[in-house]
Amino acid sequence: MSNGSTRSSNWRPGIGDPVHDLRRDRAGEFRGENGGLWYLRPHGGGIEWTAAPAEVRPARRDGAAGRDGGARRDGGARRA
């Protein structure tokens, strides 16, 4: 996994690496790739969702924001 200080266009997390979906403002873990989309799931399990690779950044395992991760501690969806 990248250290988050720079993000090259070919960055790809490993299976289980913590990530942050910028569009949904959700933290999760990387599960795989299919058809140009990345499959993510909540930390600890749950329903997977897809995200475009350009909208995903590295995150720390504890869900706290990294330099460019911005992951939420609760891993939840944005509240209205």
PDB file of N, CA and C in Angstrom:
ATOM      1  N   MET A   1       0.837  -1.181   0.000  1.00  0.00           N
ATOM      2  CA  MET A   1       0.000   0.000   0.000  1.00  0.00           C
ATOM      3  C   MET A   1       0.874   1.234   0.000  1.00  0.00           C
ATOM      4  N   SER A   2       0.404   2.261  -0.639  1.00  0.00           N
ATOM      5  CA  SER A   2       1.103   3.530  -0.670  1.00  0.00           C
ATOM      6  C   SER A   2       1.078   4.164   0.715  1.00  0.00           C
ATOM      7  N   ASN A   3       2.049   5.028   1.009  1.00  0.00           N
ATOM      8  CA  ASN A   3       2.059   5.682   2.313  1.00  0.00           C
ATOM      9  C   ASN A   3       1.131   6.887   2.360  1.00  0.00           C
ATOM     10  N   GLY A   4       0.497   7.217   1.239  1.00  0.00           N
ATOM     11  CA  GLY A   4      -0.470   8.304   1.226  1.00  0.00           C
ATOM     12  C   GLY A   4       0.127   9.669   0.956  1.00  0.00           C
ATOM     13  N   SER A   5       1.472   9.810   0.946  1.00  0.00           N
ATOM     14  CA  SER A   5       2.055  11.116   0.726  1.00  0.00           C
ATOM     15  C   SER A   5       1.950  11.546  -0.727  1.00  0.00           C
ATOM     16  N   THR A   6       1.996  10.611  -1.635  1.00  0.00           N
ATOM     17  CA  THR A   6       1.776  10.899  -3.050  1.00  0.00           C
ATOM     18  C   THR A   6       0.947   9.773  -3.620  1.00  0.00           C
ATOM     19  N   ARG A   7       0.206  10.078  -4.660  1.00  0.00           N
ATOM     20  CA  ARG A   7      -0.631   9.053  -5.269  1.00  0.00           C
ATOM     21  C   ARG A   7      -0.359   9.063  -6.762  1.00  0.00           C
ATOM     22  N   SER A   8       0.240   8.024  -7.271  1.00  0.00           N
ATOM     23  CA  SER A   8       0.459   7.929  -8.701  1.00  0.00           C
ATOM     24  C   SER A   8      -0.780   7.330  -9.342  1.00  0.00           C
ATOM     25  N   SER A   9      -0.919   7.500 -10.639  1.00  0.00           N
ATOM     26  CA  SER A   9      -2.104   7.028 -11.346  1.00  0.00           C
ATOM     27  C   SER A   9      -2.187   5.507 -11.368  1.00  0.00           C
ATOM     28  N   ASN A  10      -1.106   4.813 -11.059  1.00  0.00           N
ATOM     29  CA  ASN A  10      -1.140   3.351 -11.083  1.00  0.00           C
ATOM     30  C   ASN A  10      -1.177   2.737  -9.679  1.00  0.00           C
ATOM     31  N   TRP A  11      -1.458   3.541  -8.655  1.00  0.00           N
ATOM     32  CA  TRP A  11      -1.574   3.012  -7.298  1.00  0.00           C
ATOM     33  C   TRP A  11      -2.739   2.039  -7.239  1.00  0.00           C
ATOM     34  N   ARG A  12      -2.517   0.913  -6.621  1.00  0.00           N
ATOM     35  CA  ARG A  12      -3.566  -0.089  -6.435  1.00  0.00           C
ATOM     36  C   ARG A  12      -3.338  -0.742  -5.083  1.00  0.00           C
ATOM     37  N   PRO A  13      -4.358  -0.724  -4.216  1.00  0.00           N
ATOM     38  CA  PRO A  13      -4.186  -1.352  -2.904  1.00  0.00           C
ATOM     39  C   PRO A  13      -4.155  -2.864  -3.025  1.00  0.00           C
ATOM     40  N   GLY A  14      -3.630  -3.514  -2.016  1.00  0.00           N
ATOM     41  CA  GLY A  14      -3.670  -4.966  -1.932  1.00  0.00           C
ATOM     42  C   GLY A  14      -4.979  -5.413  -1.290  1.00  0.00           C
ATOM     43  N   ILE A  15      -5.332  -6.668  -1.466  1.00  0.00           N
ATOM     44  CA  ILE A  15      -6.549  -7.210  -0.868  1.00  0.00           C
ATOM     45  C   ILE A  15      -6.503  -6.998   0.657  1.00  0.00           C
ATOM     46  N   GLY A  16      -7.548  -6.414   1.198  1.00  0.00           N
ATOM     47  CA  GLY A  16      -7.636  -6.156   2.630  1.00  0.00           C
ATOM     48  C   GLY A  16      -7.061  -4.831   3.081  1.00  0.00           C
ATOM     49  N   ASP A  17      -6.383  -4.094   2.185  1.00  0.00           N
ATOM     50  CA  ASP A  17      -5.814  -2.801   2.576  1.00  0.00           C
ATOM     51  C   ASP A  17      -6.921  -1.797   2.884  1.00  0.00           C
ATOM     52  N   PRO A  18      -6.713  -0.938   3.886  1.00  0.00           N
ATOM     53  CA  PRO A  18      -7.710   0.077   4.215  1.00  0.00           C
ATOM     54  C   PRO A  18      -7.724   1.181   3.165  1.00  0.00           C
ATOM     55  N   VAL A  19      -8.906   1.589   2.774  1.00  0.00           N
ATOM     56  CA  VAL A  19      -9.071   2.626   1.760  1.00  0.00           C
ATOM     57  C   VAL A  19     -10.194   3.572   2.175  1.00  0.00           C
ATOM     58  N   HIS A  20     -10.248   4.708   1.498  1.00  0.00           N
ATOM     59  CA  HIS A  20     -11.311   5.693   1.732  1.00  0.00           C
ATOM     60  C   HIS A  20     -11.931   6.050   0.389  1.00  0.00           C
ATOM     61  N   ASP A  21     -13.238   5.876   0.288  1.00  0.00           N
ATOM     62  CA  ASP A  21     -14.007   6.222  -0.899  1.00  0.00           C
ATOM     63  C   ASP A  21     -14.404   7.691  -0.759  1.00  0.00           C
ATOM     64  N   LEU A  22     -13.807   8.555  -1.577  1.00  0.00           N
ATOM     65  CA  LEU A  22     -14.049   9.985  -1.461  1.00  0.00           C
ATOM     66  C   LEU A  22     -15.476  10.368  -1.834  1.00  0.00           C
ATOM     67  N   ARG A  23     -16.043   9.744  -2.845  1.00  0.00           N
ATOM     68  CA  ARG A  23     -17.387  10.092  -3.302  1.00  0.00           C
ATOM     69  C   ARG A  23     -18.426   9.800  -2.223  1.00  0.00           C
ATOM     70  N   ARG A  24     -18.295   8.679  -1.548  1.00  0.00           N
ATOM     71  CA  ARG A  24     -19.262   8.293  -0.515  1.00  0.00           C
ATOM     72  C   ARG A  24     -18.827   8.696   0.896  1.00  0.00           C
ATOM     73  N   ASP A  25     -17.598   9.185   1.023  1.00  0.00           N
ATOM     74  CA  ASP A  25     -17.030   9.531   2.327  1.00  0.00           C
ATOM     75  C   ASP A  25     -17.145   8.347   3.290  1.00  0.00           C
ATOM     76  N   ARG A  26     -16.685   7.185   2.796  1.00  0.00           N
ATOM     77  CA  ARG A  26     -16.747   5.941   3.580  1.00  0.00           C
ATOM     78  C   ARG A  26     -15.379   5.291   3.629  1.00  0.00           C
ATOM     79  N   ALA A  27     -15.056   4.760   4.789  1.00  0.00           N
ATOM     80  CA  ALA A  27     -13.838   3.969   4.945  1.00  0.00           C
ATOM     81  C   ALA A  27     -14.194   2.504   4.768  1.00  0.00           C
ATOM     82  N   GLY A  28     -13.270   1.745   4.232  1.00  0.00           N
ATOM     83  CA  GLY A  28     -13.491   0.321   4.059  1.00  0.00           C
ATOM     84  C   GLY A  28     -12.194  -0.373   3.728  1.00  0.00           C
ATOM     85  N   GLU A  29     -12.297  -1.564   3.166  1.00  0.00           N
ATOM     86  CA  GLU A  29     -11.103  -2.297   2.740  1.00  0.00           C
ATOM     87  C   GLU A  29     -11.279  -2.752   1.302  1.00  0.00           C
ATOM     88  N   PHE A  30     -10.168  -2.810   0.608  1.00  0.00           N
ATOM     89  CA  PHE A  30     -10.156  -3.204  -0.800  1.00  0.00           C
ATOM     90  C   PHE A  30     -10.370  -4.707  -0.911  1.00  0.00           C
ATOM     91  N   ARG A  31     -11.280  -5.127  -1.794  1.00  0.00           N
ATOM     92  CA  ARG A  31     -11.575  -6.550  -1.970  1.00  0.00           C
ATOM     93  C   ARG A  31     -11.210  -7.072  -3.344  1.00  0.00           C
ATOM     94  N   GLY A  32     -11.104  -6.213  -4.343  1.00  0.00           N
ATOM     95  CA  GLY A  32     -10.744  -6.681  -5.677  1.00  0.00           C
ATOM     96  C   GLY A  32     -11.161  -5.693  -6.744  1.00  0.00           C
ATOM     97  N   GLU A  33     -10.980  -6.120  -7.992  1.00  0.00           N
ATOM     98  CA  GLU A  33     -11.263  -5.265  -9.129  1.00  0.00           C
ATOM     99  C   GLU A  33     -11.947  -6.091 -10.207  1.00  0.00           C
ATOM    100  N   ASN A  34     -12.938  -5.489 -10.868  1.00  0.00           N
ATOM    101  CA  ASN A  34     -13.618  -6.154 -11.971  1.00  0.00           C
ATOM    102  C   ASN A  34     -14.243  -5.088 -12.864  1.00  0.00           C
ATOM    103  N   GLY A  35     -14.017  -5.191 -14.157  1.00  0.00           N
ATOM    104  CA  GLY A  35     -14.628  -4.265 -15.097  1.00  0.00           C
ATOM    105  C   GLY A  35     -14.253  -2.815 -14.891  1.00  0.00           C
ATOM    106  N   GLY A  36     -13.067  -2.555 -14.373  1.00  0.00           N
ATOM    107  CA  GLY A  36     -12.614  -1.192 -14.159  1.00  0.00           C
ATOM    108  C   GLY A  36     -13.083  -0.560 -12.858  1.00  0.00           C
ATOM    109  N   LEU A  37     -13.847  -1.281 -12.050  1.00  0.00           N
ATOM    110  CA  LEU A  37     -14.294  -0.779 -10.757  1.00  0.00           C
ATOM    111  C   LEU A  37     -13.607  -1.542  -9.641  1.00  0.00           C
ATOM    112  N   TRP A  38     -13.425  -0.860  -8.525  1.00  0.00           N
ATOM    113  CA  TRP A  38     -12.862  -1.501  -7.346  1.00  0.00           C
ATOM    114  C   TRP A  38     -13.987  -1.888  -6.407  1.00  0.00           C
ATOM    115  N   TYR A  39     -13.869  -3.066  -5.813  1.00  0.00           N
ATOM    116  CA  TYR A  39     -14.849  -3.566  -4.848  1.00  0.00           C
ATOM    117  C   TYR A  39     -14.320  -3.327  -3.444  1.00  0.00           C
ATOM    118  N   LEU A  40     -15.122  -2.633  -2.639  1.00  0.00           N
ATOM    119  CA  LEU A  40     -14.757  -2.276  -1.278  1.00  0.00           C
ATOM    120  C   LEU A  40     -15.823  -2.818  -0.340  1.00  0.00           C
ATOM    121  N   ARG A  41     -15.454  -3.029   0.913  1.00  0.00           N
ATOM    122  CA  ARG A  41     -16.449  -3.425   1.904  1.00  0.00           C
ATOM    123  C   ARG A  41     -16.101  -2.769   3.227  1.00  0.00           C
ATOM    124  N   PRO A  42     -17.090  -2.643   4.111  1.00  0.00           N
ATOM    125  CA  PRO A  42     -16.826  -2.037   5.417  1.00  0.00           C
ATOM    126  C   PRO A  42     -15.793  -2.861   6.195  1.00  0.00           C
ATOM    127  N   HIS A  43     -15.034  -2.195   7.036  1.00  0.00           N
ATOM    128  CA  HIS A  43     -14.095  -2.904   7.904  1.00  0.00           C
ATOM    129  C   HIS A  43     -14.878  -3.894   8.761  1.00  0.00           C
ATOM    130  N   GLY A  44     -14.409  -5.093   8.856  1.00  0.00           N
ATOM    131  CA  GLY A  44     -15.072  -6.105   9.664  1.00  0.00           C
ATOM    132  C   GLY A  44     -16.157  -6.874   8.936  1.00  0.00           C
ATOM    133  N   GLY A  45     -16.387  -6.556   7.670  1.00  0.00           N
ATOM    134  CA  GLY A  45     -17.379  -7.282   6.883  1.00  0.00           C
ATOM    135  C   GLY A  45     -18.610  -6.447   6.602  1.00  0.00           C
ATOM    136  N   GLY A  46     -19.440  -6.976   5.741  1.00  0.00           N
ATOM    137  CA  GLY A  46     -20.653  -6.272   5.368  1.00  0.00           C
ATOM    138  C   GLY A  46     -20.836  -6.286   3.866  1.00  0.00           C
ATOM    139  N   ILE A  47     -21.772  -5.509   3.398  1.00  0.00           N
ATOM    140  CA  ILE A  47     -22.113  -5.475   1.976  1.00  0.00           C
ATOM    141  C   ILE A  47     -21.083  -4.662   1.204  1.00  0.00           C
ATOM    142  N   GLU A  48     -20.546  -5.254   0.139  1.00  0.00           N
ATOM    143  CA  GLU A  48     -19.574  -4.573  -0.717  1.00  0.00           C
ATOM    144  C   GLU A  48     -20.241  -3.479  -1.525  1.00  0.00           C
ATOM    145  N   TRP A  49     -19.423  -2.515  -1.933  1.00  0.00           N
ATOM    146  CA  TRP A  49     -19.863  -1.501  -2.887  1.00  0.00           C
ATOM    147  C   TRP A  49     -18.737  -1.287  -3.885  1.00  0.00           C
ATOM    148  N   THR A  50     -19.050  -0.654  -4.997  1.00  0.00           N
ATOM    149  CA  THR A  50     -18.033  -0.399  -6.011  1.00  0.00           C
ATOM    150  C   THR A  50     -17.672   1.079  -6.015  1.00  0.00           C
ATOM    151  N   ALA A  51     -16.443   1.338  -6.448  1.00  0.00           N
ATOM    152  CA  ALA A  51     -15.963   2.711  -6.558  1.00  0.00           C
ATOM    153  C   ALA A  51     -14.999   2.793  -7.735  1.00  0.00           C
ATOM    154  N   ALA A  52     -14.975   3.940  -8.375  1.00  0.00           N
ATOM    155  CA  ALA A  52     -13.999   4.188  -9.430  1.00  0.00           C
ATOM    156  C   ALA A  52     -12.630   4.365  -8.772  1.00  0.00           C
ATOM    157  N   PRO A  53     -11.586   3.779  -9.341  1.00  0.00           N
ATOM    158  CA  PRO A  53     -10.255   3.893  -8.735  1.00  0.00           C
ATOM    159  C   PRO A  53      -9.818   5.337  -8.470  1.00  0.00           C
ATOM    160  N   ALA A  54     -10.203   6.277  -9.319  1.00  0.00           N
ATOM    161  CA  ALA A  54      -9.810   7.678  -9.140  1.00  0.00           C
ATOM    162  C   ALA A  54     -10.437   8.302  -7.904  1.00  0.00           C
ATOM    163  N   GLU A  55     -11.482   7.672  -7.351  1.00  0.00           N
ATOM    164  CA  GLU A  55     -12.188   8.213  -6.188  1.00  0.00           C
ATOM    165  C   GLU A  55     -11.792   7.529  -4.881  1.00  0.00           C
ATOM    166  N   VAL A  56     -10.735   6.714  -4.913  1.00  0.00           N
ATOM    167  CA  VAL A  56     -10.318   5.955  -3.731  1.00  0.00           C
ATOM    168  C   VAL A  56      -8.906   6.371  -3.339  1.00  0.00           C
ATOM    169  N   ARG A  57      -8.697   6.548  -2.050  1.00  0.00           N
ATOM    170  CA  ARG A  57      -7.389   6.915  -1.510  1.00  0.00           C
ATOM    171  C   ARG A  57      -7.007   5.943  -0.396  1.00  0.00           C
ATOM    172  N   PRO A  58      -5.725   5.848  -0.080  1.00  0.00           N
ATOM    173  CA  PRO A  58      -5.295   5.016   1.048  1.00  0.00           C
ATOM    174  C   PRO A  58      -5.841   5.578   2.361  1.00  0.00           C
ATOM    175  N   ALA A  59      -6.035   4.708   3.323  1.00  0.00           N
ATOM    176  CA  ALA A  59      -6.465   5.114   4.665  1.00  0.00           C
ATOM    177  C   ALA A  59      -5.680   4.299   5.678  1.00  0.00           C
ATOM    178  N   ARG A  60      -5.684   4.743   6.922  1.00  0.00           N
ATOM    179  CA  ARG A  60      -5.035   3.989   7.991  1.00  0.00           C
ATOM    180  C   ARG A  60      -5.958   2.898   8.473  1.00  0.00           C
ATOM    181  N   ARG A  61      -5.395   1.836   9.046  1.00  0.00           N
ATOM    182  CA  ARG A  61      -6.193   0.702   9.525  1.00  0.00           C
ATOM    183  C   ARG A  61      -7.219   1.096  10.579  1.00  0.00           C
ATOM    184  N   ASP A  62      -6.934   2.121  11.383  1.00  0.00           N
ATOM    185  CA  ASP A  62      -7.879   2.525  12.421  1.00  0.00           C
ATOM    186  C   ASP A  62      -9.000   3.405  11.884  1.00  0.00           C
ATOM    187  N   GLY A  63      -8.973   3.678  10.569  1.00  0.00           N
ATOM    188  CA  GLY A  63     -10.021   4.478   9.955  1.00  0.00           C
ATOM    189  C   GLY A  63      -9.798   5.972  10.087  1.00  0.00           C
ATOM    190  N   ALA A  64      -8.744   6.379  10.809  1.00  0.00           N
ATOM    191  CA  ALA A  64      -8.463   7.802  10.960  1.00  0.00           C
ATOM    192  C   ALA A  64      -7.936   8.364   9.646  1.00  0.00           C
ATOM    193  N   ALA A  65      -8.108   9.641   9.483  1.00  0.00           N
ATOM    194  CA  ALA A  65      -7.668  10.300   8.260  1.00  0.00           C
ATOM    195  C   ALA A  65      -6.156  10.224   8.121  1.00  0.00           C
ATOM    196  N   GLY A  66      -5.711   9.839   6.948  1.00  0.00           N
ATOM    197  CA  GLY A  66      -4.302   9.915   6.596  1.00  0.00           C
ATOM    198  C   GLY A  66      -4.045  11.272   5.975  1.00  0.00           C
ATOM    199  N   ARG A  67      -2.890  11.454   5.384  1.00  0.00           N
ATOM    200  CA  ARG A  67      -2.587  12.742   4.769  1.00  0.00           C
ATOM    201  C   ARG A  67      -3.584  13.120   3.688  1.00  0.00           C
ATOM    202  N   ASP A  68      -3.975  12.145   2.856  1.00  0.00           N
ATOM    203  CA  ASP A  68      -4.974  12.449   1.832  1.00  0.00           C
ATOM    204  C   ASP A  68      -6.116  11.458   1.877  1.00  0.00           C
ATOM    205  N   GLY A  69      -6.216  10.691   2.973  1.00  0.00           N
ATOM    206  CA  GLY A  69      -7.264   9.688   3.065  1.00  0.00           C
ATOM    207  C   GLY A  69      -8.602  10.241   3.507  1.00  0.00           C
ATOM    208  N   GLY A  70      -8.616  11.006   4.580  1.00  0.00           N
ATOM    209  CA  GLY A  70      -9.837  11.599   5.068  1.00  0.00           C
ATOM    210  C   GLY A  70     -10.891  10.603   5.513  1.00  0.00           C
ATOM    211  N   ALA A  71     -10.481   9.419   5.914  1.00  0.00           N
ATOM    212  CA  ALA A  71     -11.445   8.370   6.275  1.00  0.00           C
ATOM    213  C   ALA A  71     -12.165   8.718   7.574  1.00  0.00           C
ATOM    214  N   ARG A  72     -13.423   8.366   7.634  1.00  0.00           N
ATOM    215  CA  ARG A  72     -14.209   8.563   8.854  1.00  0.00           C
ATOM    216  C   ARG A  72     -13.895   7.450   9.839  1.00  0.00           C
ATOM    217  N   ARG A  73     -13.866   7.760  11.109  1.00  0.00           N
ATOM    218  CA  ARG A  73     -13.581   6.754  12.131  1.00  0.00           C
ATOM    219  C   ARG A  73     -14.643   5.678  12.186  1.00  0.00           C
ATOM    220  N   ASP A  74     -15.914   6.049  11.973  1.00  0.00           N
ATOM    221  CA  ASP A  74     -16.977   5.045  12.079  1.00  0.00           C
ATOM    222  C   ASP A  74     -17.194   4.272  10.792  1.00  0.00           C
ATOM    223  N   GLY A  75     -16.554   4.686   9.695  1.00  0.00           N
ATOM    224  CA  GLY A  75     -16.682   3.979   8.434  1.00  0.00           C
ATOM    225  C   GLY A  75     -18.066   4.091   7.826  1.00  0.00           C
ATOM    226  N   GLY A  76     -18.920   4.909   8.407  1.00  0.00           N
ATOM    227  CA  GLY A  76     -20.307   5.013   7.948  1.00  0.00           C
ATOM    228  C   GLY A  76     -20.497   5.973   6.804  1.00  0.00           C
ATOM    229  N   ALA A  77     -21.674   5.945   6.279  1.00  0.00           N
ATOM    230  CA  ALA A  77     -22.036   6.847   5.199  1.00  0.00           C
ATOM    231  C   ALA A  77     -22.254   8.250   5.762  1.00  0.00           C
ATOM    232  N   ARG A  78     -22.169   9.224   4.901  1.00  0.00           N
ATOM    233  CA  ARG A  78     -22.386  10.614   5.288  1.00  0.00           C
ATOM    234  C   ARG A  78     -23.829  10.788   5.742  1.00  0.00           C
ATOM    235  N   ARG A  79     -24.015  11.496   6.809  1.00  0.00           N
ATOM    236  CA  ARG A  79     -25.362  11.730   7.333  1.00  0.00           C
ATOM    237  C   ARG A  79     -25.895  13.049   6.804  1.00  0.00           C
ATOM    238  N   ALA A  80     -27.179  13.116   6.594  1.00  0.00           N
ATOM    239  CA  ALA A  80     -27.810  14.339   6.076  1.00  0.00           C
ATOM    240  C   ALA A  80     -27.943  15.372   7.144  1.00  0.00           C
TER     241      ALA A  80
END
